[in-house]
Every structure is written in C-alpha cells, then in structure tokens.
C-alpha cells in the first residue's frame, strides 16, 4: 500500500458532520500524473519522508493519524461478488491486525466513480470495517482501533485492480507511537470518512492507461 503526487490548484470544501472541521480539497497527481484525484490539503506525501513501493501512493495526515493509500494490483481472478472479502482478508494480513471486523461489503455504482463510467468490465465495491493495529514493531499492548474503508476498483480490461484504502483512527492507545503526535483517546475524523471517500472517488481520473501496462 504506497505514494507520489504533485500540484495543488483551486480548493473546494466538502460538507462534514456537525462538530468536525471541513476538509479543504485540492487536486493531486499520482503515479507521475497517470491518475488524479482530489484529496484534503492536510494530507502529505509519505514518499517525501520514506521509500514507497512503485505500485503504491501513500498520503497521510500525521496530526490525525489518518491515511489514504492508492495501490495498483494485478487483477484478482475471482468473481466480483467475493473480491471485496478477499481483499479485506489480504489487507488484514498486510497490517498484521490482531483483530478485525468486516461490517459490510457492497457494490458501488459507477455513477459514484464517474471516471470509470464507460470502461468495459469496470466494477467497484466497498468493504467497511475496523481493525486493531499496532504501529511498526509495537506489540498488541499499543494497538489502535482503526476504521477502515477499502474501495476496490476492478479493471479487468487492463488486467488490474486499483485499491483505495482510507484508514481513520477510532481511538489512539496511550502506549502507541501515534500518541506522540496525536492525542490519545477517541478521535473524530473517522465519522466523516465515508463522505470523504465518496468525494475522493467522485474526482478520480485515469489520465494514462499505460500505467497498467
């Protein structure tokens, strides 16, 4: 799951739940401009601080411990009805979560991802759940409760699946490394995460299909 992007242009502000701060958005270029989407201006490119795999883009707001991962994978040879569950299981293995709950998996109409409308065979689904995850090599005693939105965009005509993963802490463990920058205890950003992801997916554009070659 990882990152690379560029410019910022005019900002927009999405609606948020009462009590939460608005998310000013700006266009970001990913994978050298092959993909663009609008994300909160507060998100920084992790590749500015550490190496990120070529098939990933990782954006993070360290002040909220919230992250967005955009990842390109080889097309999973399974039917659309089961791909969300399988990618969720894969994600739990990658994050080494000590526990997880998959709340729902639902198909998403491509009208919610207009950048994929008209693309032959394209399919979108959203898995929603929570994971108990520790930072780095910290043990389970320092694990955080994280709300996870996993959007799967299937592109069989180019042999690829694209994942967008929005991780938002529900609560930060006082013993977690995250607590050095983010106040321990319950956090609020996860409440607005579903609307934020809907906004992000609605702005996604693929500018260079050669990315999947």
Protein backbone atom coordinates (compact mmCIF):
# COMPACT_ATOMS: atom_id res chain seq x y z
CA UNK A 1 0.00 0.00 0.00
CA UNK A 2 2.03 3.36 -1.10
CA UNK A 3 2.68 7.05 -2.90
CA UNK A 4 3.87 10.03 -5.41
CA UNK A 5 1.97 13.25 -6.40
CA UNK A 6 2.32 16.87 -7.46
CA UNK A 7 0.32 20.03 -7.86
CA UNK A 8 -2.32 21.90 -5.94
CA UNK A 9 -4.87 24.12 -7.65
CA UNK A 10 -8.12 25.69 -6.52
CA UNK A 11 -9.56 24.17 -3.37
CA UNK A 12 -13.08 23.02 -2.63
CA UNK A 13 -14.63 22.20 0.73
CA UNK A 14 -16.83 19.15 1.23
CA UNK A 15 -19.68 19.08 3.72
CA UNK A 16 -18.91 17.45 7.06
CA UNK A 17 -20.78 16.21 10.08
CA UNK A 18 -21.53 18.73 12.82
CA UNK A 19 -18.60 19.27 15.17
CA UNK A 20 -15.94 18.27 12.64
CA UNK A 21 -13.58 20.54 10.76
CA UNK A 22 -14.14 20.87 6.99
CA UNK A 23 -11.80 19.16 4.55
CA UNK A 24 -10.45 21.69 2.01
CA UNK A 25 -9.63 19.63 -1.09
CA UNK A 26 -7.10 20.09 -3.87
CA UNK A 27 -6.17 18.04 -6.96
CA UNK A 28 -3.23 15.66 -6.56
CA UNK A 29 -1.35 13.85 -9.31
CA UNK A 30 -0.44 10.24 -8.53
CA UNK A 31 1.95 7.88 -10.28
CA UNK A 32 3.60 10.69 -12.19
CA UNK A 33 0.28 12.19 -13.29
CA UNK A 34 -1.24 8.94 -14.61
CA UNK A 35 -4.03 9.33 -12.03
CA UNK A 36 -5.51 12.47 -10.49
CA UNK A 37 -7.99 12.88 -7.66
CA UNK A 38 -8.94 15.47 -5.07
CA UNK A 39 -7.75 14.90 -1.51
CA UNK A 40 -7.64 17.03 1.65
CA UNK A 41 -4.84 19.58 1.55
CA UNK A 42 -3.80 18.40 5.03
CA UNK A 43 -2.60 15.07 3.55
CA UNK A 44 1.15 14.84 2.90
CA UNK A 45 3.02 12.53 0.53
CA UNK A 46 4.76 9.82 2.55
CA UNK A 47 7.35 9.34 -0.21
CA UNK A 48 8.82 12.69 0.88
CA UNK A 49 9.89 11.00 4.12
CA UNK A 50 10.50 7.33 3.32
CA UNK A 51 10.56 4.95 0.34
CA UNK A 52 7.21 3.76 -1.00
CA UNK A 53 6.72 0.82 -3.42
CA UNK A 54 6.24 1.79 -7.06
CA UNK A 55 2.72 0.31 -7.17
CA UNK A 56 1.54 2.46 -4.26
CA UNK A 57 0.87 6.05 -3.28
CA UNK A 58 0.51 6.87 0.42
CA UNK A 59 -0.86 10.16 1.74
CA UNK A 60 -1.10 10.87 5.46
CA UNK A 61 -2.30 13.47 7.93
CA UNK A 62 0.06 12.94 10.86
CA UNK A 63 -2.00 15.24 13.08
CA UNK A 64 -4.96 12.87 12.83
CA UNK A 65 -3.04 9.63 12.11
CA UNK A 66 -5.32 9.29 9.09
CA UNK A 67 -4.03 7.88 5.80
CA UNK A 68 -5.10 7.26 2.23
CA UNK A 69 -3.39 4.51 0.24
CA UNK A 70 -3.81 4.08 -3.51
CA UNK A 71 -2.49 0.79 -4.82
CA UNK A 72 -2.35 -0.90 -8.22
CA UNK A 73 -2.51 -4.71 -8.17
CA UNK A 74 -2.68 -7.48 -10.71
CA UNK A 75 -6.32 -8.36 -11.40
CA UNK A 76 -7.61 -10.88 -8.86
CA UNK A 77 -9.04 -13.85 -10.77
CA UNK A 78 -12.22 -14.11 -8.68
CA UNK A 79 -15.79 -13.04 -9.26
CA UNK A 80 -16.93 -9.56 -8.35
CA UNK A 81 -19.16 -10.85 -5.54
CA UNK A 82 -16.23 -12.15 -3.50
CA UNK A 83 -13.39 -9.75 -4.35
CA UNK A 84 -14.18 -7.32 -1.50
CA UNK A 85 -13.94 -10.05 1.13
CA UNK A 86 -10.70 -11.40 -0.32
CA UNK A 87 -9.02 -8.01 -0.48
CA UNK A 88 -10.14 -7.33 3.10
CA UNK A 89 -8.51 -10.56 4.25
CA UNK A 90 -5.34 -9.64 2.36
CA UNK A 91 -5.30 -6.20 3.99
CA UNK A 92 -5.63 -7.71 7.47
CA UNK A 93 -2.58 -9.86 6.75
CA UNK A 94 -0.56 -6.90 5.49
CA UNK A 95 -1.42 -4.75 8.51
CA UNK A 96 -0.94 -7.71 10.88
CA UNK A 97 -4.09 -6.68 12.72
CA UNK A 98 -4.59 -8.51 16.00
CA UNK A 99 -8.34 -8.45 15.42
CA UNK A 100 -10.72 -7.22 12.73
CA UNK A 101 -14.41 -6.88 11.99
CA UNK A 102 -15.75 -6.68 8.44
CA UNK A 103 -19.04 -4.82 8.77
CA UNK A 104 -20.19 -4.76 5.15
CA UNK A 105 -19.23 -5.27 1.51
CA UNK A 106 -21.38 -3.50 -1.07
CA UNK A 107 -21.30 -2.97 -4.80
CA UNK A 108 -20.88 0.68 -5.80
CA UNK A 109 -22.50 2.03 -8.95
CA UNK A 110 -20.06 3.61 -11.37
CA UNK A 111 -22.06 6.82 -11.22
CA UNK A 112 -20.19 7.28 -7.91
CA UNK A 113 -16.89 6.87 -9.79
CA UNK A 114 -17.60 8.80 -13.00
CA UNK A 115 -14.00 8.47 -14.12
CA UNK A 116 -14.66 4.77 -14.76
CA UNK A 117 -18.02 5.10 -16.49
CA UNK A 118 -17.90 3.51 -19.92
CA UNK A 119 -14.81 1.44 -19.10
CA UNK A 120 -15.54 -2.15 -20.24
CA UNK A 121 -15.86 -4.60 -17.36
CA UNK A 122 -15.19 -2.00 -14.65
CA UNK A 123 -16.67 -2.81 -11.25
CA UNK A 124 -16.49 -1.10 -7.86
CA UNK A 125 -17.18 -2.39 -4.38
CA UNK A 126 -16.61 -1.02 -0.88
CA UNK A 127 -15.62 -3.01 2.21
CA UNK A 128 -16.15 -1.29 5.55
CA UNK A 129 -14.82 -2.47 8.89
CA UNK A 130 -12.41 -1.93 11.74
CA UNK A 131 -9.01 -3.31 12.64
CA UNK A 132 -6.90 -3.38 15.77
CA UNK A 133 -3.44 -2.43 14.54
CA UNK A 134 -0.09 -1.61 16.14
CA UNK A 135 2.43 0.88 14.76
CA UNK A 136 5.66 -0.51 13.34
CA UNK A 137 7.04 -3.21 15.60
CA UNK A 138 4.99 -2.29 18.64
CA UNK A 139 3.10 -5.14 20.25
CA UNK A 140 -0.62 -5.58 20.77
CA UNK A 141 -0.38 -3.68 24.08
CA UNK A 142 0.00 -0.49 22.00
CA UNK A 143 -2.59 -1.23 19.29
CA UNK A 144 -5.04 1.36 17.97
CA UNK A 145 -8.66 0.88 16.96
CA UNK A 146 -8.90 1.87 13.27
CA UNK A 147 -11.89 2.41 10.99
CA UNK A 148 -11.06 1.10 7.51
CA UNK A 149 -12.72 1.83 4.18
CA UNK A 150 -11.44 -0.37 1.35
CA UNK A 151 -12.60 0.63 -2.13
CA UNK A 152 -11.89 -1.95 -4.83
CA UNK A 153 -11.95 -0.75 -8.45
CA UNK A 154 -11.75 -3.68 -10.85
CA UNK A 155 -10.28 -3.07 -14.30
CA UNK A 156 -10.13 -6.47 -16.00
CA UNK A 157 -9.58 -4.99 -19.47
CA UNK A 158 -6.10 -3.90 -18.34
CA UNK A 159 -5.52 -6.86 -16.01
CA UNK A 160 -5.51 -4.69 -12.87
CA UNK A 161 -7.38 -3.89 -9.69
CA UNK A 162 -7.00 -0.50 -8.01
CA UNK A 163 -7.44 -0.16 -4.25
CA UNK A 164 -8.16 2.99 -2.26
CA UNK A 165 -7.80 2.44 1.48
CA UNK A 166 -8.81 5.18 3.91
CA UNK A 167 -7.61 4.47 7.45
CA UNK A 168 -9.04 6.62 10.26
CA UNK A 169 -8.36 6.01 13.95
CA UNK A 170 -11.37 5.49 16.19
CA UNK A 171 -9.19 5.60 19.28
CA UNK A 172 -5.46 6.03 19.91
CA UNK A 173 -3.78 3.88 22.54
CA UNK A 174 -1.74 5.95 25.05
CA UNK A 175 1.14 3.48 24.54
CA UNK A 176 1.06 3.79 20.76
CA UNK A 177 3.77 5.65 18.89
CA UNK A 178 0.91 7.63 17.35
CA UNK A 179 0.20 9.18 20.75
CA UNK A 180 3.46 11.13 20.49
CA UNK A 181 1.79 13.38 17.90
CA UNK A 182 -1.93 12.66 18.17
CA UNK A 183 -3.83 12.95 21.44
CA UNK A 184 -4.62 9.53 22.89
CA UNK A 185 -8.26 8.54 23.28
CA UNK A 186 -11.23 8.76 20.93
CA UNK A 187 -10.76 10.57 17.62
CA UNK A 188 -13.38 12.19 15.40
CA UNK A 189 -12.13 12.02 11.79
CA UNK A 190 -13.49 8.50 11.21
CA UNK A 191 -17.05 9.80 11.47
CA UNK A 192 -16.59 11.84 8.31
CA UNK A 193 -14.51 9.20 6.50
CA UNK A 194 -17.33 7.68 4.40
CA UNK A 195 -18.29 11.08 2.95
CA UNK A 196 -14.63 11.93 2.40
CA UNK A 197 -14.03 8.73 0.44
CA UNK A 198 -17.15 9.32 -1.65
CA UNK A 199 -15.81 12.75 -2.55
CA UNK A 200 -12.37 11.39 -3.41
CA UNK A 201 -13.72 8.60 -5.63
CA UNK A 202 -16.01 11.01 -7.45
CA UNK A 203 -12.96 13.01 -8.63
CA UNK A 204 -10.74 10.09 -9.68
CA UNK A 205 -9.48 10.29 -13.26
CA UNK A 206 -7.17 7.95 -15.14
CA UNK A 207 -5.10 10.09 -17.49
CA UNK A 208 -2.66 7.47 -18.74
CA UNK A 209 -3.86 3.89 -19.12
CA UNK A 210 -0.26 2.89 -19.83
CA UNK A 211 0.16 2.85 -16.03
CA UNK A 212 -1.47 -0.57 -16.04
CA UNK A 213 0.66 -1.97 -18.86
